[in-house]
Protein backbone atom coordinates (compact mmCIF):
# COMPACT_ATOMS: atom_id res chain seq x y z
CA UNK A 1 -47.01 -27.23 -21.57
CA UNK A 2 -47.03 -27.30 -24.94
CA UNK A 3 -50.15 -28.01 -26.99
CA UNK A 4 -49.98 -30.01 -30.04
CA UNK A 5 -53.44 -29.59 -32.30
CA UNK A 6 -54.40 -31.14 -35.59
CA UNK A 7 -57.28 -32.22 -37.20
CA UNK A 8 -59.69 -32.79 -33.77
CA UNK A 9 -56.41 -34.48 -32.05
CA UNK A 10 -54.93 -32.66 -28.64
CA UNK A 11 -52.68 -33.07 -26.53
CA UNK A 12 -50.38 -31.43 -24.16
CA UNK A 13 -47.20 -32.55 -24.06
CA UNK A 14 -45.42 -31.26 -20.56
CA UNK A 15 -41.72 -29.91 -20.60
CA UNK A 16 -41.43 -29.94 -17.11
CA UNK A 17 -40.64 -26.21 -14.71
CA UNK A 18 -37.88 -23.75 -15.23
CA UNK A 19 -36.38 -25.51 -12.59
CA UNK A 20 -36.49 -28.67 -13.89
CA UNK A 21 -36.91 -28.48 -17.55
CA UNK A 22 -37.12 -31.30 -19.73
CA UNK A 23 -34.82 -31.43 -22.69
CA UNK A 24 -37.20 -34.33 -24.79
CA UNK A 25 -40.30 -35.73 -24.61
CA UNK A 26 -42.36 -38.91 -26.04
CA UNK A 27 -45.19 -37.83 -27.61
CA UNK A 28 -48.52 -40.48 -27.09
CA UNK A 29 -50.12 -39.56 -30.47
CA UNK A 30 -47.60 -40.62 -33.50
CA UNK A 31 -49.94 -39.32 -36.29
CA UNK A 32 -49.24 -35.80 -36.50
CA UNK A 33 -47.76 -34.31 -39.23
CA UNK A 34 -47.90 -30.48 -39.10
CA UNK A 35 -49.59 -29.63 -35.64
CA UNK A 36 -50.51 -26.48 -34.26
CA UNK A 37 -48.54 -25.44 -31.53
CA UNK A 38 -49.03 -22.74 -28.54
CA UNK A 39 -47.27 -22.37 -25.33
CA UNK A 40 -49.08 -22.25 -22.34
CA UNK A 41 -47.24 -21.16 -19.08
CA UNK A 42 -49.22 -21.82 -15.19
CA UNK A 43 -49.08 -20.60 -11.86
CA UNK A 44 -46.88 -23.87 -10.08
CA UNK A 45 -47.74 -22.93 -6.15
CA UNK A 46 -49.51 -21.40 -3.83
CA UNK A 47 -53.39 -20.66 -4.18
CA UNK A 48 -53.33 -19.69 -7.82
CA UNK A 49 -51.80 -23.20 -8.77
CA UNK A 50 -52.58 -24.24 -12.39
CA UNK A 51 -53.84 -20.65 -13.20
CA UNK A 52 -52.44 -19.67 -16.87
CA UNK A 53 -50.01 -16.84 -16.40
CA UNK A 54 -49.93 -16.42 -20.45
CA UNK A 55 -49.51 -18.18 -23.90
CA UNK A 56 -47.71 -18.26 -26.88
CA UNK A 57 -49.62 -16.85 -30.70
CA UNK A 58 -50.01 -20.58 -32.86
CA UNK A 59 -47.87 -21.73 -34.74
CA UNK A 60 -46.60 -24.62 -36.99
CA UNK A 61 -44.67 -27.04 -35.91
CA UNK A 62 -43.01 -27.95 -39.24
CA UNK A 63 -44.15 -24.64 -41.53
CA UNK A 64 -40.58 -23.24 -41.67
CA UNK A 65 -38.75 -26.75 -42.62
CA UNK A 66 -38.31 -27.18 -46.64
CA UNK A 67 -37.63 -31.11 -45.54
CA UNK A 68 -41.12 -32.09 -43.32
CA UNK A 69 -42.86 -35.34 -44.46
CA UNK A 70 -45.98 -34.78 -46.32
CA UNK A 71 -45.98 -31.79 -47.78
CA UNK A 72 -44.79 -28.03 -48.96
CA UNK A 73 -43.54 -25.83 -46.09
CA UNK A 74 -47.16 -26.79 -44.75
CA UNK A 75 -49.55 -25.50 -47.07
CA UNK A 76 -50.45 -29.54 -47.63
CA UNK A 77 -50.06 -33.00 -45.63
CA UNK A 78 -50.69 -36.29 -46.50
CA UNK A 79 -51.49 -38.76 -43.99
CA UNK A 80 -52.02 -42.48 -44.43
CA UNK A 81 -55.40 -43.47 -42.41
CA UNK A 82 -58.33 -45.85 -42.46
CA UNK A 83 -60.82 -44.59 -44.79
CA UNK A 84 -61.85 -47.22 -46.23
CA UNK A 85 -64.02 -47.40 -48.96
CA UNK A 86 -63.00 -44.28 -49.59
CA UNK A 87 -59.82 -44.07 -51.55
CA UNK A 88 -58.71 -39.88 -50.12
CA UNK A 89 -60.35 -37.59 -48.13
CA UNK A 90 -59.91 -33.93 -47.54
CA UNK A 91 -59.76 -32.52 -43.92
CA UNK A 92 -60.52 -29.10 -43.54
CA UNK A 93 -60.49 -27.47 -40.00
CA UNK A 94 -60.14 -23.95 -38.36
CA UNK A 95 -56.76 -23.84 -36.86
CA UNK A 96 -54.93 -26.26 -39.19
CA UNK A 97 -53.55 -26.60 -42.56
CA UNK A 98 -55.55 -28.89 -45.05
CA UNK A 99 -54.91 -32.70 -44.46
CA UNK A 100 -55.51 -34.79 -47.30
CA UNK A 101 -56.09 -38.35 -46.34
CA UNK A 102 -55.00 -41.30 -47.97
CA UNK A 103 -56.69 -44.83 -47.94
CA UNK A 104 -53.25 -46.44 -45.30
CA UNK A 105 -53.70 -49.95 -47.92
CA UNK A 106 -52.23 -47.94 -50.60
CA UNK A 107 -48.54 -49.47 -50.94
CA UNK A 108 -46.21 -45.90 -50.01
CA UNK A 109 -49.98 -43.83 -49.80
CA UNK A 110 -47.86 -40.29 -49.39
CA UNK A 111 -45.70 -41.19 -52.64
CA UNK A 112 -48.55 -42.20 -54.54
CA UNK A 113 -50.37 -38.55 -53.80
CA UNK A 114 -47.42 -36.29 -54.18
CA UNK A 115 -46.34 -37.95 -57.20
CA UNK A 116 -48.83 -40.53 -59.54
CA UNK A 117 -49.75 -38.27 -62.00
CA UNK A 118 -53.34 -40.05 -62.26
CA UNK A 119 -54.01 -38.73 -58.70
CA UNK A 120 -51.96 -35.24 -59.40
CA UNK A 121 -54.11 -33.75 -62.50
CA UNK A 122 -57.55 -35.58 -61.42
CA UNK A 123 -57.67 -34.83 -57.50
CA UNK A 124 -55.67 -32.48 -57.13
CA UNK A 125 -57.79 -29.74 -59.07
CA UNK A 126 -60.64 -30.96 -57.34
CA UNK A 127 -58.85 -30.50 -53.76
CA UNK A 128 -57.96 -26.96 -54.78
CA UNK A 129 -61.47 -26.79 -55.79
CA UNK A 130 -62.73 -27.21 -52.06
CA UNK A 131 -60.16 -25.55 -50.39
CA UNK A 132 -60.75 -22.04 -52.33
CA UNK A 133 -64.43 -22.89 -51.87
CA UNK A 134 -64.11 -22.60 -48.09
CA UNK A 135 -61.20 -20.39 -47.92
CA UNK A 136 -63.37 -17.54 -49.69
CA UNK A 137 -66.72 -17.39 -47.64
CA UNK A 138 -65.25 -16.53 -45.11
CA UNK A 139 -65.28 -12.63 -44.03
CA UNK A 140 -61.29 -12.83 -43.26
CA UNK A 141 -59.57 -15.19 -44.47
CA UNK A 142 -56.28 -13.35 -44.11
CA UNK A 143 -56.62 -13.47 -40.48
CA UNK A 144 -56.00 -16.97 -40.62
CA UNK A 145 -52.80 -18.25 -40.66
CA UNK A 146 -53.20 -21.67 -43.44
CA UNK A 147 -56.07 -19.95 -45.90
CA UNK A 148 -53.36 -16.70 -45.51
CA UNK A 149 -50.82 -19.26 -47.30
CA UNK A 150 -53.34 -20.76 -49.31
CA UNK A 151 -54.31 -17.14 -50.51
CA UNK A 152 -50.32 -15.74 -50.85
CA UNK A 153 -50.09 -18.89 -53.23
CA UNK A 154 -52.98 -18.37 -55.92
CA UNK A 155 -50.61 -15.01 -56.44
CA UNK A 156 -48.01 -16.66 -57.32
CA UNK A 157 -50.36 -18.36 -60.09
CA UNK A 158 -52.39 -15.79 -60.63
CA UNK A 159 -50.74 -12.47 -59.49
CA UNK A 160 -52.94 -8.99 -60.31
CA UNK A 161 -56.36 -11.30 -60.17
CA UNK A 162 -58.49 -9.48 -57.92
CA UNK A 163 -59.77 -12.42 -55.47
CA UNK A 164 -63.27 -12.66 -55.62
CA UNK A 165 -64.93 -11.50 -52.30
CA UNK A 166 -68.38 -10.33 -51.77
CA UNK A 167 -68.77 -11.89 -55.10
CA UNK A 168 -71.84 -13.98 -55.98
CA UNK A 169 -71.03 -17.93 -55.97
CA UNK A 170 -70.62 -17.71 -59.83
CA UNK A 171 -68.31 -15.30 -59.56
CA UNK A 172 -66.22 -17.03 -57.02
CA UNK A 173 -66.36 -20.53 -59.38
CA UNK A 174 -65.41 -18.51 -61.59
CA UNK A 175 -62.21 -17.46 -60.10
CA UNK A 176 -61.73 -20.58 -58.70
CA UNK A 177 -61.34 -22.33 -61.66
CA UNK A 178 -58.73 -19.67 -63.46
CA UNK A 179 -56.72 -21.07 -60.25
CA UNK A 180 -56.88 -24.45 -61.20
CA UNK A 181 -56.40 -24.11 -64.95
CA UNK A 182 -53.01 -21.87 -64.15
CA UNK A 183 -52.18 -24.69 -61.00
CA UNK A 184 -52.77 -27.43 -64.47
CA UNK A 185 -51.25 -25.47 -66.93
CA UNK A 186 -48.46 -24.69 -64.94
CA UNK A 187 -47.32 -28.47 -63.86
CA UNK A 188 -48.89 -29.50 -67.52
CA UNK A 189 -51.11 -32.10 -65.67
CA UNK A 190 -53.04 -33.12 -68.75
CA UNK A 191 -49.89 -34.18 -71.06
CA UNK A 192 -48.43 -35.63 -67.83
CA UNK A 193 -51.34 -37.63 -67.52
CA UNK A 194 -51.56 -38.50 -70.95
CA UNK A 195 -47.85 -40.05 -71.31
CA UNK A 196 -48.46 -41.90 -67.92
CA UNK A 197 -51.86 -43.54 -69.67
CA UNK A 198 -50.22 -44.25 -73.09
CA UNK A 199 -46.94 -45.90 -71.36
CA UNK A 200 -49.25 -47.95 -69.31
CA UNK A 201 -51.61 -48.46 -71.70
CA UNK A 202 -54.64 -47.37 -70.32
CA UNK A 203 -55.37 -44.76 -72.97
CA UNK A 204 -56.19 -47.77 -74.99
């Protein structure tokens, strides 16, 4: 059996037995984007029927797929959801990569969230702030897969910039502000927003 976990939803998927394996199965929940997975092996006979014999470490279904829908190598996924009156909502769980829920009434919500200059330049910095505010409050964030992935991302944006572990709230906030500045500068976010507003007349 393969156990799928993502944002408080869980499903056990039965692939049969070694003697009668199933090549494919249908999922009851079609809303998974990049679930955490774990393979479980249980005893199928005798007095120990159903006893868990072993299991794999948790792995990501899509993390190594550059073409996966909804995110970049599993770092951040976008999921249409019924969250009105809110337009977006960040979901942080201990064992899965962050998910941004987008109001499903918005046309092409994933495309809008990933490509719209207004969303990227104004909402993404807030998302990054929330994510790292959570990460930096953990004692050993490198031990959590998704946190470690985000820390590596931050290291690429700010190489050599020491992370503020065991620091007070002000020092953590200043480090996160520096990270956001680096992100905005790397992607020219303020320039993209000004160009968008100028083209649409929103700056008038």
